[in-house]
């Protein structure tokens, strides 16, 4: 079967961290593709993330994926929807789950219905957190066959959205694929997230903060590798299939923090311990061999220390981008004792 070659796509959440990096990737690598970014511009969606991209290639529509009338106006002129939009911060989901149900479940439903009505290709971007967590001494990794076992309001709503996609493929014949990815890092990530929080703390003269015992393991991937994998799945993936995206980047939080401290010329013990979050998953690990074997994808950013150094440099060079959100973010964490 020939590769799917869309000429116009909707990217939901395209002003967020991962979505905006995907938009930039598409604009750079596929000059024939036109992108409509649909973003509600909540605190995590920043139009500055796509600033400077050519206006004849990228259009921003500010709106809600739950707005069926808006989708009816936008979707028919496109070949595909790539769905990044999500409420995604675990701490926020614990404090107030309701927005996660609305955006992650109801929003996905409305997008699927629009794709069903207009026979539009749909790619759903999900998370490895739907699988729960692994023990630190467990030699296995998540695969596409791993049973779902979400442990937070966030991951449970993402699991629900994955199931909706599968049902719409089977029941209605929607042309959809799913990807579940490990933790991303790179430019344009909000300062509430682990890596940019530590980097910007150091830049502000604040000691970094580490949850719990620091042994929680995440499987890190540079957002540029995530972007190339999503496009590969959109172009070559088999309809109805799920593909796990990972770059073999398992590291515990204390090691990541030490990498950041080293990259910034700080002592490896120059941080403070803070209380753990409720229900904090211990370990995530991705087996992406299906994606590599079937679709020929490979990650480019396999040296984590090099990736961290480039990420640190981006935050050094773009203080005007992250500084406005920093004070409020730290005030919120202080309230939580973190």
C-alpha atoms as a PDB file:
ATOM      1  CA  UNK A   1       0.000   0.000   0.000  1.00  0.00           C
ATOM      2  CA  UNK A   2       1.308   3.464  -0.904  1.00  0.00           C
ATOM      3  CA  UNK A   3       2.161   5.866   1.907  1.00  0.00           C
ATOM      4  CA  UNK A   4      -0.546   8.303   2.943  1.00  0.00           C
ATOM      5  CA  UNK A   5       0.604  11.789   1.858  1.00  0.00           C
ATOM      6  CA  UNK A   6      -1.623  14.498   3.353  1.00  0.00           C
ATOM      7  CA  UNK A   7      -1.452  18.000   1.927  1.00  0.00           C
ATOM      8  CA  UNK A   8      -3.434  19.683   4.721  1.00  0.00           C
ATOM      9  CA  UNK A   9      -3.705  18.664   8.360  1.00  0.00           C
ATOM     10  CA  UNK A  10      -5.329  19.899  11.556  1.00  0.00           C
ATOM     11  CA  UNK A  11      -3.025  19.724  14.581  1.00  0.00           C
ATOM     12  CA  UNK A  12      -4.973  19.983  17.833  1.00  0.00           C
ATOM     13  CA  UNK A  13      -2.993  21.406  20.718  1.00  0.00           C
ATOM     14  CA  UNK A  14      -0.477  22.750  18.225  1.00  0.00           C
ATOM     15  CA  UNK A  15       0.513  25.616  20.526  1.00  0.00           C
ATOM     16  CA  UNK A  16       1.461  23.232  23.324  1.00  0.00           C
ATOM     17  CA  UNK A  17       4.909  21.791  23.930  1.00  0.00           C
ATOM     18  CA  UNK A  18       4.783  18.573  21.905  1.00  0.00           C
ATOM     19  CA  UNK A  19       2.217  19.815  19.379  1.00  0.00           C
ATOM     20  CA  UNK A  20       4.177  22.957  18.484  1.00  0.00           C
ATOM     21  CA  UNK A  21       7.368  20.968  18.012  1.00  0.00           C
ATOM     22  CA  UNK A  22       5.427  18.685  15.650  1.00  0.00           C
ATOM     23  CA  UNK A  23       4.112  21.700  13.698  1.00  0.00           C
ATOM     24  CA  UNK A  24       7.660  23.040  13.362  1.00  0.00           C
ATOM     25  CA  UNK A  25       8.862  19.594  12.240  1.00  0.00           C
ATOM     26  CA  UNK A  26       6.170  19.362   9.538  1.00  0.00           C
ATOM     27  CA  UNK A  27       6.810  22.897   8.262  1.00  0.00           C
ATOM     28  CA  UNK A  28      10.542  22.202   8.060  1.00  0.00           C
ATOM     29  CA  UNK A  29      10.457  18.682   6.602  1.00  0.00           C
ATOM     30  CA  UNK A  30       7.321  18.700   4.405  1.00  0.00           C
ATOM     31  CA  UNK A  31       7.065  21.972   2.463  1.00  0.00           C
ATOM     32  CA  UNK A  32       3.967  20.816   0.564  1.00  0.00           C
ATOM     33  CA  UNK A  33       1.857  20.450   3.737  1.00  0.00           C
ATOM     34  CA  UNK A  34      -0.470  23.147   5.078  1.00  0.00           C
ATOM     35  CA  UNK A  35      -1.200  23.108   8.837  1.00  0.00           C
ATOM     36  CA  UNK A  36      -4.211  24.416  10.734  1.00  0.00           C
ATOM     37  CA  UNK A  37      -3.447  24.625  14.444  1.00  0.00           C
ATOM     38  CA  UNK A  38      -6.528  24.290  16.651  1.00  0.00           C
ATOM     39  CA  UNK A  39      -5.739  25.295  20.218  1.00  0.00           C
ATOM     40  CA  UNK A  40      -7.789  26.565  23.144  1.00  0.00           C
ATOM     41  CA  UNK A  41      -4.752  28.496  24.437  1.00  0.00           C
ATOM     42  CA  UNK A  42      -5.059  27.371  28.040  1.00  0.00           C
ATOM     43  CA  UNK A  43      -2.026  28.061  30.271  1.00  0.00           C
ATOM     44  CA  UNK A  44      -0.008  25.370  28.441  1.00  0.00           C
ATOM     45  CA  UNK A  45      -0.872  26.603  24.949  1.00  0.00           C
ATOM     46  CA  UNK A  46       1.278  29.548  23.898  1.00  0.00           C
ATOM     47  CA  UNK A  47       1.028  31.146  20.425  1.00  0.00           C
ATOM     48  CA  UNK A  48       4.682  32.151  20.810  1.00  0.00           C
ATOM     49  CA  UNK A  49       5.487  28.449  20.355  1.00  0.00           C
ATOM     50  CA  UNK A  50       4.639  28.723  16.648  1.00  0.00           C
ATOM     51  CA  UNK A  51       5.699  32.346  16.159  1.00  0.00           C
ATOM     52  CA  UNK A  52       7.692  33.044  13.010  1.00  0.00           C
ATOM     53  CA  UNK A  53       6.259  30.169  10.970  1.00  0.00           C
ATOM     54  CA  UNK A  54       5.057  31.199   7.479  1.00  0.00           C
ATOM     55  CA  UNK A  55       1.447  32.419   7.482  1.00  0.00           C
ATOM     56  CA  UNK A  56       0.765  30.800   4.109  1.00  0.00           C
ATOM     57  CA  UNK A  57       1.610  27.403   5.640  1.00  0.00           C
ATOM     58  CA  UNK A  58       0.320  27.678   9.214  1.00  0.00           C
ATOM     59  CA  UNK A  59      -3.002  29.097  10.423  1.00  0.00           C
ATOM     60  CA  UNK A  60      -3.936  29.349  14.105  1.00  0.00           C
ATOM     61  CA  UNK A  61      -7.598  28.842  15.021  1.00  0.00           C
ATOM     62  CA  UNK A  62      -8.296  29.563  18.680  1.00  0.00           C
ATOM     63  CA  UNK A  63     -11.040  27.237  19.831  1.00  0.00           C
ATOM     64  CA  UNK A  64     -12.138  24.192  21.793  1.00  0.00           C
ATOM     65  CA  UNK A  65     -12.025  20.631  20.417  1.00  0.00           C
ATOM     66  CA  UNK A  66     -15.356  20.101  22.193  1.00  0.00           C
ATOM     67  CA  UNK A  67     -16.986  22.726  19.929  1.00  0.00           C
ATOM     68  CA  UNK A  68     -18.729  20.567  17.311  1.00  0.00           C
ATOM     69  CA  UNK A  69     -19.837  23.587  15.241  1.00  0.00           C
ATOM     70  CA  UNK A  70     -16.261  24.854  15.025  1.00  0.00           C
ATOM     71  CA  UNK A  71     -15.024  21.417  13.969  1.00  0.00           C
ATOM     72  CA  UNK A  72     -17.693  21.328  11.276  1.00  0.00           C
ATOM     73  CA  UNK A  73     -16.252  24.527   9.813  1.00  0.00           C
ATOM     74  CA  UNK A  74     -12.588  23.454  10.015  1.00  0.00           C
ATOM     75  CA  UNK A  75     -12.321  19.724   9.431  1.00  0.00           C
ATOM     76  CA  UNK A  76     -13.810  19.195   5.916  1.00  0.00           C
ATOM     77  CA  UNK A  77     -10.993  21.096   4.163  1.00  0.00           C
ATOM     78  CA  UNK A  78      -8.280  18.801   5.521  1.00  0.00           C
ATOM     79  CA  UNK A  79      -6.867  15.345   4.853  1.00  0.00           C
ATOM     80  CA  UNK A  80      -6.030  14.400   8.458  1.00  0.00           C
ATOM     81  CA  UNK A  81      -6.252  15.374  12.108  1.00  0.00           C
ATOM     82  CA  UNK A  82      -3.253  14.809  14.377  1.00  0.00           C
ATOM     83  CA  UNK A  83      -4.626  15.005  17.903  1.00  0.00           C
ATOM     84  CA  UNK A  84      -2.169  16.266  20.533  1.00  0.00           C
ATOM     85  CA  UNK A  85      -4.584  18.428  22.566  1.00  0.00           C
ATOM     86  CA  UNK A  86      -4.871  17.154  26.142  1.00  0.00           C
ATOM     87  CA  UNK A  87      -4.906  18.184  29.728  1.00  0.00           C
ATOM     88  CA  UNK A  88      -1.724  16.431  30.758  1.00  0.00           C
ATOM     89  CA  UNK A  89      -0.269  17.542  34.082  1.00  0.00           C
ATOM     90  CA  UNK A  90      -0.650  14.825  36.733  1.00  0.00           C
ATOM     91  CA  UNK A  91      -0.615  17.182  39.722  1.00  0.00           C
ATOM     92  CA  UNK A  92      -3.415  19.252  38.155  1.00  0.00           C
ATOM     93  CA  UNK A  93      -5.466  16.130  37.468  1.00  0.00           C
ATOM     94  CA  UNK A  94      -5.215  15.115  41.118  1.00  0.00           C
ATOM     95  CA  UNK A  95      -6.337  18.564  42.268  1.00  0.00           C
ATOM     96  CA  UNK A  96      -9.227  18.863  39.777  1.00  0.00           C
ATOM     97  CA  UNK A  97     -10.032  15.936  37.449  1.00  0.00           C
ATOM     98  CA  UNK A  98     -13.023  17.508  35.669  1.00  0.00           C
ATOM     99  CA  UNK A  99     -11.153  19.429  32.905  1.00  0.00           C
ATOM    100  CA  UNK A 100      -9.318  16.199  32.058  1.00  0.00           C
ATOM    101  CA  UNK A 101     -12.600  14.369  31.482  1.00  0.00           C
ATOM    102  CA  UNK A 102     -13.903  17.152  29.263  1.00  0.00           C
ATOM    103  CA  UNK A 103     -10.830  17.669  27.085  1.00  0.00           C
ATOM    104  CA  UNK A 104      -9.346  14.186  26.956  1.00  0.00           C
ATOM    105  CA  UNK A 105     -12.557  12.148  26.659  1.00  0.00           C
ATOM    106  CA  UNK A 106     -15.279  14.429  25.340  1.00  0.00           C
ATOM    107  CA  UNK A 107     -12.886  16.319  23.059  1.00  0.00           C
ATOM    108  CA  UNK A 108     -11.598  13.102  21.485  1.00  0.00           C
ATOM    109  CA  UNK A 109     -15.195  11.979  20.921  1.00  0.00           C
ATOM    110  CA  UNK A 110     -16.041  15.175  19.009  1.00  0.00           C
ATOM    111  CA  UNK A 111     -12.933  14.843  16.832  1.00  0.00           C
ATOM    112  CA  UNK A 112     -13.726  11.219  16.044  1.00  0.00           C
ATOM    113  CA  UNK A 113     -17.265  12.167  15.068  1.00  0.00           C
ATOM    114  CA  UNK A 114     -15.956  14.882  12.733  1.00  0.00           C
ATOM    115  CA  UNK A 115     -13.568  12.390  11.130  1.00  0.00           C
ATOM    116  CA  UNK A 116     -16.357   9.829  10.775  1.00  0.00           C
ATOM    117  CA  UNK A 117     -18.681  12.314   9.094  1.00  0.00           C
ATOM    118  CA  UNK A 118     -16.096  13.576   6.602  1.00  0.00           C
ATOM    119  CA  UNK A 119     -13.937  10.437   6.201  1.00  0.00           C
ATOM    120  CA  UNK A 120     -10.813  12.160   7.524  1.00  0.00           C
ATOM    121  CA  UNK A 121      -7.683  10.263   8.597  1.00  0.00           C
ATOM    122  CA  UNK A 122      -7.142  10.515  12.381  1.00  0.00           C
ATOM    123  CA  UNK A 123      -4.001  10.011  14.460  1.00  0.00           C
ATOM    124  CA  UNK A 124      -4.402   9.990  18.228  1.00  0.00           C
ATOM    125  CA  UNK A 125      -1.377  10.907  20.361  1.00  0.00           C
ATOM    126  CA  UNK A 126      -1.438   9.183  23.745  1.00  0.00           C
ATOM    127  CA  UNK A 127       0.890   8.350  26.613  1.00  0.00           C
ATOM    128  CA  UNK A 128       2.672   5.370  28.133  1.00  0.00           C
ATOM    129  CA  UNK A 129       1.009   6.272  31.437  1.00  0.00           C
ATOM    130  CA  UNK A 130      -2.128   4.359  30.363  1.00  0.00           C
ATOM    131  CA  UNK A 131      -0.207   1.168  31.193  1.00  0.00           C
ATOM    132  CA  UNK A 132       0.352   2.118  34.836  1.00  0.00           C
ATOM    133  CA  UNK A 133       3.870   1.558  36.077  1.00  0.00           C
ATOM    134  CA  UNK A 134       6.533  -1.130  36.374  1.00  0.00           C
ATOM    135  CA  UNK A 135       8.561  -2.196  39.393  1.00  0.00           C
ATOM    136  CA  UNK A 136      12.086  -0.788  39.474  1.00  0.00           C
ATOM    137  CA  UNK A 137      13.526  -4.310  39.313  1.00  0.00           C
ATOM    138  CA  UNK A 138      11.139  -5.544  36.568  1.00  0.00           C
ATOM    139  CA  UNK A 139      13.146  -6.414  33.423  1.00  0.00           C
ATOM    140  CA  UNK A 140      10.137  -5.980  31.102  1.00  0.00           C
ATOM    141  CA  UNK A 141       9.008  -2.913  29.180  1.00  0.00           C
ATOM    142  CA  UNK A 142       5.612  -1.779  27.923  1.00  0.00           C
ATOM    143  CA  UNK A 143       4.515  -3.190  24.558  1.00  0.00           C
ATOM    144  CA  UNK A 144       1.371  -2.722  22.486  1.00  0.00           C
ATOM    145  CA  UNK A 145      -0.019  -5.829  24.221  1.00  0.00           C
ATOM    146  CA  UNK A 146       0.466  -4.566  27.792  1.00  0.00           C
ATOM    147  CA  UNK A 147      -2.881  -4.372  29.647  1.00  0.00           C
ATOM    148  CA  UNK A 148      -4.103  -0.901  30.604  1.00  0.00           C
ATOM    149  CA  UNK A 149      -3.721  -0.004  34.277  1.00  0.00           C
ATOM    150  CA  UNK A 150      -3.883   3.798  34.622  1.00  0.00           C
ATOM    151  CA  UNK A 151      -3.198   5.191  38.082  1.00  0.00           C
ATOM    152  CA  UNK A 152      -4.110   8.910  37.917  1.00  0.00           C
ATOM    153  CA  UNK A 153      -7.107  10.931  36.717  1.00  0.00           C
ATOM    154  CA  UNK A 154      -4.916  12.107  33.810  1.00  0.00           C
ATOM    155  CA  UNK A 155      -3.822   8.666  32.634  1.00  0.00           C
ATOM    156  CA  UNK A 156      -7.298   7.186  33.103  1.00  0.00           C
ATOM    157  CA  UNK A 157      -8.831   9.819  30.816  1.00  0.00           C
ATOM    158  CA  UNK A 158      -6.127   9.169  28.217  1.00  0.00           C
ATOM    159  CA  UNK A 159      -6.872   5.441  28.475  1.00  0.00           C
ATOM    160  CA  UNK A 160     -10.552   6.201  27.916  1.00  0.00           C
ATOM    161  CA  UNK A 161      -9.753   8.268  24.826  1.00  0.00           C
ATOM    162  CA  UNK A 162      -7.614   5.435  23.406  1.00  0.00           C
ATOM    163  CA  UNK A 163     -10.561   3.068  23.814  1.00  0.00           C
ATOM    164  CA  UNK A 164     -12.873   5.496  22.019  1.00  0.00           C
ATOM    165  CA  UNK A 165     -10.506   5.579  19.041  1.00  0.00           C
ATOM    166  CA  UNK A 166     -10.421   1.778  18.859  1.00  0.00           C
ATOM    167  CA  UNK A 167     -14.214   1.573  19.059  1.00  0.00           C
ATOM    168  CA  UNK A 168     -14.677   4.168  16.286  1.00  0.00           C
ATOM    169  CA  UNK A 169     -12.283   2.214  14.047  1.00  0.00           C
ATOM    170  CA  UNK A 170     -14.096  -1.049  14.614  1.00  0.00           C
ATOM    171  CA  UNK A 171     -17.692   0.175  14.697  1.00  0.00           C
ATOM    172  CA  UNK A 172     -17.639   3.031  12.188  1.00  0.00           C
ATOM    173  CA  UNK A 173     -14.559   2.328  10.064  1.00  0.00           C
ATOM    174  CA  UNK A 174     -12.781   5.559  11.033  1.00  0.00           C
ATOM    175  CA  UNK A 175      -9.248   5.563   9.571  1.00  0.00           C
ATOM    176  CA  UNK A 176      -7.304   5.987  12.789  1.00  0.00           C
ATOM    177  CA  UNK A 177      -4.043   5.045  14.468  1.00  0.00           C
ATOM    178  CA  UNK A 178      -2.789   5.512  18.033  1.00  0.00           C
ATOM    179  CA  UNK A 179       0.669   6.187  19.425  1.00  0.00           C
ATOM    180  CA  UNK A 180       1.682   5.945  23.071  1.00  0.00           C
ATOM    181  CA  UNK A 181       4.891   7.810  23.833  1.00  0.00           C
ATOM    182  CA  UNK A 182       7.273   8.063  26.739  1.00  0.00           C
ATOM    183  CA  UNK A 183       8.262  11.312  28.498  1.00  0.00           C
ATOM    184  CA  UNK A 184       9.300  14.111  26.126  1.00  0.00           C
ATOM    185  CA  UNK A 185      11.912  16.807  26.675  1.00  0.00           C
ATOM    186  CA  UNK A 186      13.203  19.679  24.550  1.00  0.00           C
ATOM    187  CA  UNK A 187      12.376  23.308  23.673  1.00  0.00           C
ATOM    188  CA  UNK A 188       9.047  25.045  24.421  1.00  0.00           C
ATOM    189  CA  UNK A 189       8.158  22.840  27.427  1.00  0.00           C
ATOM    190  CA  UNK A 190       6.210  24.614  30.185  1.00  0.00           C
ATOM    191  CA  UNK A 191       8.196  25.392  33.338  1.00  0.00           C
ATOM    192  CA  UNK A 192       5.847  23.275  35.482  1.00  0.00           C
ATOM    193  CA  UNK A 193       7.363  20.096  33.988  1.00  0.00           C
ATOM    194  CA  UNK A 194      10.283  18.299  35.607  1.00  0.00           C
ATOM    195  CA  UNK A 195      13.203  19.098  33.277  1.00  0.00           C
ATOM    196  CA  UNK A 196      12.421  22.762  32.465  1.00  0.00           C
ATOM    197  CA  UNK A 197      11.520  23.401  36.110  1.00  0.00           C
ATOM    198  CA  UNK A 198      14.986  22.328  37.229  1.00  0.00           C
ATOM    199  CA  UNK A 199      16.737  24.254  34.442  1.00  0.00           C
ATOM    200  CA  UNK A 200      14.820  27.486  35.087  1.00  0.00           C
ATOM    201  CA  UNK A 201      15.234  27.166  38.856  1.00  0.00           C
ATOM    202  CA  UNK A 202      19.006  27.139  38.399  1.00  0.00           C
ATOM    203  CA  UNK A 203      18.829  30.061  35.973  1.00  0.00           C
ATOM    204  CA  UNK A 204      16.818  31.979  38.602  1.00  0.00           C
ATOM    205  CA  UNK A 205      19.222  31.143  41.428  1.00  0.00           C
ATOM    206  CA  UNK A 206      16.704  28.771  43.060  1.00  0.00           C
ATOM    207  CA  UNK A 207      17.801  25.327  44.217  1.00  0.00           C
ATOM    208  CA  UNK A 208      16.181  22.565  42.126  1.00  0.00           C
ATOM    209  CA  UNK A 209      13.523  20.349  43.727  1.00  0.00           C
ATOM    210  CA  UNK A 210      13.342  16.546  43.626  1.00  0.00           C
ATOM    211  CA  UNK A 211      10.228  14.487  44.439  1.00  0.00           C
ATOM    212  CA  UNK A 212      10.285  11.622  46.953  1.00  0.00           C
ATOM    213  CA  UNK A 213      13.411   9.457  46.825  1.00  0.00           C
ATOM    214  CA  UNK A 214      14.354  10.454  43.242  1.00  0.00           C
ATOM    215  CA  UNK A 215      14.365   6.834  42.068  1.00  0.00           C
ATOM    216  CA  UNK A 216      11.253   7.051  39.870  1.00  0.00           C
ATOM    217  CA  UNK A 217      12.293   6.025  36.345  1.00  0.00           C
ATOM    218  CA  UNK A 218      11.062   7.654  33.138  1.00  0.00           C
ATOM    219  CA  UNK A 219      11.873   6.702  29.549  1.00  0.00           C
ATOM    220  CA  UNK A 220      12.965  10.015  27.984  1.00  0.00           C
ATOM    221  CA  UNK A 221      12.682  10.944  24.307  1.00  0.00           C
ATOM    222  CA  UNK A 222      13.572  14.212  22.573  1.00  0.00           C
ATOM    223  CA  UNK A 223      10.441  15.849  21.213  1.00  0.00           C
ATOM    224  CA  UNK A 224      11.973  15.971  17.715  1.00  0.00           C
ATOM    225  CA  UNK A 225      12.116  12.165  17.702  1.00  0.00           C
ATOM    226  CA  UNK A 226       8.499  12.019  18.854  1.00  0.00           C
ATOM    227  CA  UNK A 227       7.529  14.325  15.976  1.00  0.00           C
ATOM    228  CA  UNK A 228       9.272  12.203  13.338  1.00  0.00           C
ATOM    229  CA  UNK A 229       7.656   9.049  14.760  1.00  0.00           C
ATOM    230  CA  UNK A 230       4.146  10.545  14.658  1.00  0.00           C
ATOM    231  CA  UNK A 231       4.601  11.589  11.024  1.00  0.00           C
ATOM    232  CA  UNK A 232       5.914   8.108  10.178  1.00  0.00           C
ATOM    233  CA  UNK A 233       2.805   6.529  11.721  1.00  0.00           C
ATOM    234  CA  UNK A 234       0.497   8.997   9.965  1.00  0.00           C
ATOM    235  CA  UNK A 235       2.131   8.221   6.604  1.00  0.00           C
ATOM    236  CA  UNK A 236       2.823   4.488   6.922  1.00  0.00           C
ATOM    237  CA  UNK A 237       0.903   3.121   9.907  1.00  0.00           C
ATOM    238  CA  UNK A 238      -1.722   0.403   9.500  1.00  0.00           C
ATOM    239  CA  UNK A 239      -5.259   1.595  10.245  1.00  0.00           C
ATOM    240  CA  UNK A 240      -6.486   0.457  13.656  1.00  0.00           C
ATOM    241  CA  UNK A 241      -2.979  -0.214  14.954  1.00  0.00           C
ATOM    242  CA  UNK A 242      -1.234   1.160  18.031  1.00  0.00           C
ATOM    243  CA  UNK A 243       2.487   1.972  17.979  1.00  0.00           C
ATOM    244  CA  UNK A 244       4.652   2.670  21.031  1.00  0.00           C
ATOM    245  CA  UNK A 245       7.212   5.465  20.612  1.00  0.00           C
ATOM    246  CA  UNK A 246      10.405   5.405  22.650  1.00  0.00           C
ATOM    247  CA  UNK A 247      14.145   5.997  22.315  1.00  0.00           C
ATOM    248  CA  UNK A 248      15.545   3.614  24.977  1.00  0.00           C
ATOM    249  CA  UNK A 249      16.080   6.561  27.324  1.00  0.00           C
ATOM    250  CA  UNK A 250      15.373   5.069  30.768  1.00  0.00           C
ATOM    251  CA  UNK A 251      16.725   7.241  33.585  1.00  0.00           C
ATOM    252  CA  UNK A 252      15.696   7.844  37.167  1.00  0.00           C
ATOM    253  CA  UNK A 253      14.865  11.373  38.267  1.00  0.00           C
ATOM    254  CA  UNK A 254      17.984  11.870  40.359  1.00  0.00           C
ATOM    255  CA  UNK A 255      20.203  10.940  37.393  1.00  0.00           C
ATOM    256  CA  UNK A 256      18.322  13.374  35.142  1.00  0.00           C
ATOM    257  CA  UNK A 257      18.698  16.141  37.703  1.00  0.00           C
ATOM    258  CA  UNK A 258      22.415  15.411  38.053  1.00  0.00           C
ATOM    259  CA  UNK A 259      22.769  15.568  34.246  1.00  0.00           C
ATOM    260  CA  UNK A 260      21.128  19.016  34.323  1.00  0.00           C
ATOM    261  CA  UNK A 261      23.322  20.219  37.210  1.00  0.00           C
ATOM    262  CA  UNK A 262      26.467  19.035  35.411  1.00  0.00           C
ATOM    263  CA  UNK A 263      25.397  20.684  32.152  1.00  0.00           C
ATOM    264  CA  UNK A 264      24.913  23.952  34.059  1.00  0.00           C
ATOM    265  CA  UNK A 265      28.184  23.794  35.978  1.00  0.00           C
ATOM    266  CA  UNK A 266      26.573  23.090  39.367  1.00  0.00           C
ATOM    267  CA  UNK A 267      27.511  20.505  42.035  1.00  0.00           C
ATOM    268  CA  UNK A 268      25.543  17.266  41.689  1.00  0.00           C
ATOM    269  CA  UNK A 269      24.086  17.606  45.207  1.00  0.00           C
ATOM    270  CA  UNK A 270      22.887  21.221  44.797  1.00  0.00           C
ATOM    271  CA  UNK A 271      19.152  20.443  45.146  1.00  0.00           C
ATOM    272  CA  UNK A 272      16.424  20.093  47.793  1.00  0.00           C
ATOM    273  CA  UNK A 273      14.156  17.129  48.466  1.00  0.00           C
ATOM    274  CA  UNK A 274      10.374  17.743  48.460  1.00  0.00           C
ATOM    275  CA  UNK A 275       7.427  15.513  49.328  1.00  0.00           C
ATOM    276  CA  UNK A 276       6.280  13.023  46.714  1.00  0.00           C
ATOM    277  CA  UNK A 277       3.064  13.409  44.732  1.00  0.00           C
ATOM    278  CA  UNK A 278       0.164  11.026  45.570  1.00  0.00           C
ATOM    279  CA  UNK A 279       0.196   7.781  43.567  1.00  0.00           C
ATOM    280  CA  UNK A 280       3.512   8.606  41.880  1.00  0.00           C
ATOM    281  CA  UNK A 281       4.286   5.848  39.320  1.00  0.00           C
ATOM    282  CA  UNK A 282       7.641   4.163  39.864  1.00  0.00           C
ATOM    283  CA  UNK A 283       8.857   3.283  36.383  1.00  0.00           C
ATOM    284  CA  UNK A 284       7.848   3.620  32.735  1.00  0.00           C
ATOM    285  CA  UNK A 285       9.739   1.858  29.950  1.00  0.00           C
ATOM    286  CA  UNK A 286       8.845   1.589  26.260  1.00  0.00           C
ATOM    287  CA  UNK A 287       9.547  -1.207  23.796  1.00  0.00           C
ATOM    288  CA  UNK A 288       9.277   0.536  20.408  1.00  0.00           C
ATOM    289  CA  UNK A 289      10.409  -2.456  18.338  1.00  0.00           C
ATOM    290  CA  UNK A 290       7.080  -2.724  16.463  1.00  0.00           C
ATOM    291  CA  UNK A 291       7.393   0.867  15.198  1.00  0.00           C
ATOM    292  CA  UNK A 292      11.019   0.293  14.183  1.00  0.00           C
ATOM    293  CA  UNK A 293      10.432  -3.108  12.615  1.00  0.00           C
ATOM    294  CA  UNK A 294       7.205  -2.390  10.700  1.00  0.00           C
ATOM    295  CA  UNK A 295       7.650   1.258   9.734  1.00  0.00           C
ATOM    296  CA  UNK A 296      11.442   1.668   9.722  1.00  0.00           C
ATOM    297  CA  UNK A 297      11.545   4.534  12.230  1.00  0.00           C
ATOM    298  CA  UNK A 298      14.712   5.281  14.229  1.00  0.00           C
ATOM    299  CA  UNK A 299      15.426   7.967  16.861  1.00  0.00           C
ATOM    300  CA  UNK A 300      18.141  10.536  16.095  1.00  0.00           C
ATOM    301  CA  UNK A 301      18.702  11.907  19.611  1.00  0.00           C
ATOM    302  CA  UNK A 302      20.146   8.876  21.380  1.00  0.00           C
ATOM    303  CA  UNK A 303      22.697  10.717  23.584  1.00  0.00           C
ATOM    304  CA  UNK A 304      20.618  12.022  26.504  1.00  0.00           C
ATOM    305  CA  UNK A 305      23.400  14.190  27.955  1.00  0.00           C
ATOM    306  CA  UNK A 306      23.840  15.933  24.597  1.00  0.00           C
ATOM    307  CA  UNK A 307      20.074  16.439  24.333  1.00  0.00           C
ATOM    308  CA  UNK A 308      19.994  17.953  27.823  1.00  0.00           C
ATOM    309  CA  UNK A 309      22.846  20.336  26.997  1.00  0.00           C
ATOM    310  CA  UNK A 310      20.956  21.588  23.924  1.00  0.00           C
ATOM    311  CA  UNK A 311      17.758  21.937  25.976  1.00  0.00           C
ATOM    312  CA  UNK A 312      19.575  23.907  28.680  1.00  0.00           C
ATOM    313  CA  UNK A 313      20.979  26.207  26.007  1.00  0.00           C
ATOM    314  CA  UNK A 314      17.502  26.794  24.567  1.00  0.00           C
ATOM    315  CA  UNK A 315      16.191  27.917  27.979  1.00  0.00           C
ATOM    316  CA  UNK A 316      19.245  30.141  28.444  1.00  0.00           C
ATOM    317  CA  UNK A 317      18.570  31.755  25.061  1.00  0.00           C
ATOM    318  CA  UNK A 318      14.802  32.131  25.512  1.00  0.00           C
ATOM    319  CA  UNK A 319      14.304  33.632  28.965  1.00  0.00           C
ATOM    320  CA  UNK A 320      11.637  35.976  27.585  1.00  0.00           C
ATOM    321  CA  UNK A 321       9.577  32.915  26.638  1.00  0.00           C
ATOM    322  CA  UNK A 322       9.569  31.139  30.024  1.00  0.00           C
ATOM    323  CA  UNK A 323      10.033  33.947  32.562  1.00  0.00           C
ATOM    324  CA  UNK A 324       6.368  35.174  32.562  1.00  0.00           C
ATOM    325  CA  UNK A 325       5.068  31.779  33.783  1.00  0.00           C
ATOM    326  CA  UNK A 326       7.827  31.028  36.292  1.00  0.00           C
ATOM    327  CA  UNK A 327       6.718  32.957  39.378  1.00  0.00           C
ATOM    328  CA  UNK A 328       3.130  31.667  39.348  1.00  0.00           C
ATOM    329  CA  UNK A 329       4.316  28.104  38.791  1.00  0.00           C
ATOM    330  CA  UNK A 330       6.692  28.171  41.750  1.00  0.00           C
ATOM    331  CA  UNK A 331       4.027  29.778  43.961  1.00  0.00           C
ATOM    332  CA  UNK A 332       1.663  26.900  43.156  1.00  0.00           C
ATOM    333  CA  UNK A 333       4.310  24.282  43.969  1.00  0.00           C
ATOM    334  CA  UNK A 334       5.193  26.057  47.230  1.00  0.00           C
ATOM    335  CA  UNK A 335       1.540  25.822  48.275  1.00  0.00           C
ATOM    336  CA  UNK A 336       1.696  22.054  47.711  1.00  0.00           C
ATOM    337  CA  UNK A 337       4.905  21.740  49.725  1.00  0.00           C
ATOM    338  CA  UNK A 338       6.833  20.852  46.570  1.00  0.00           C
END
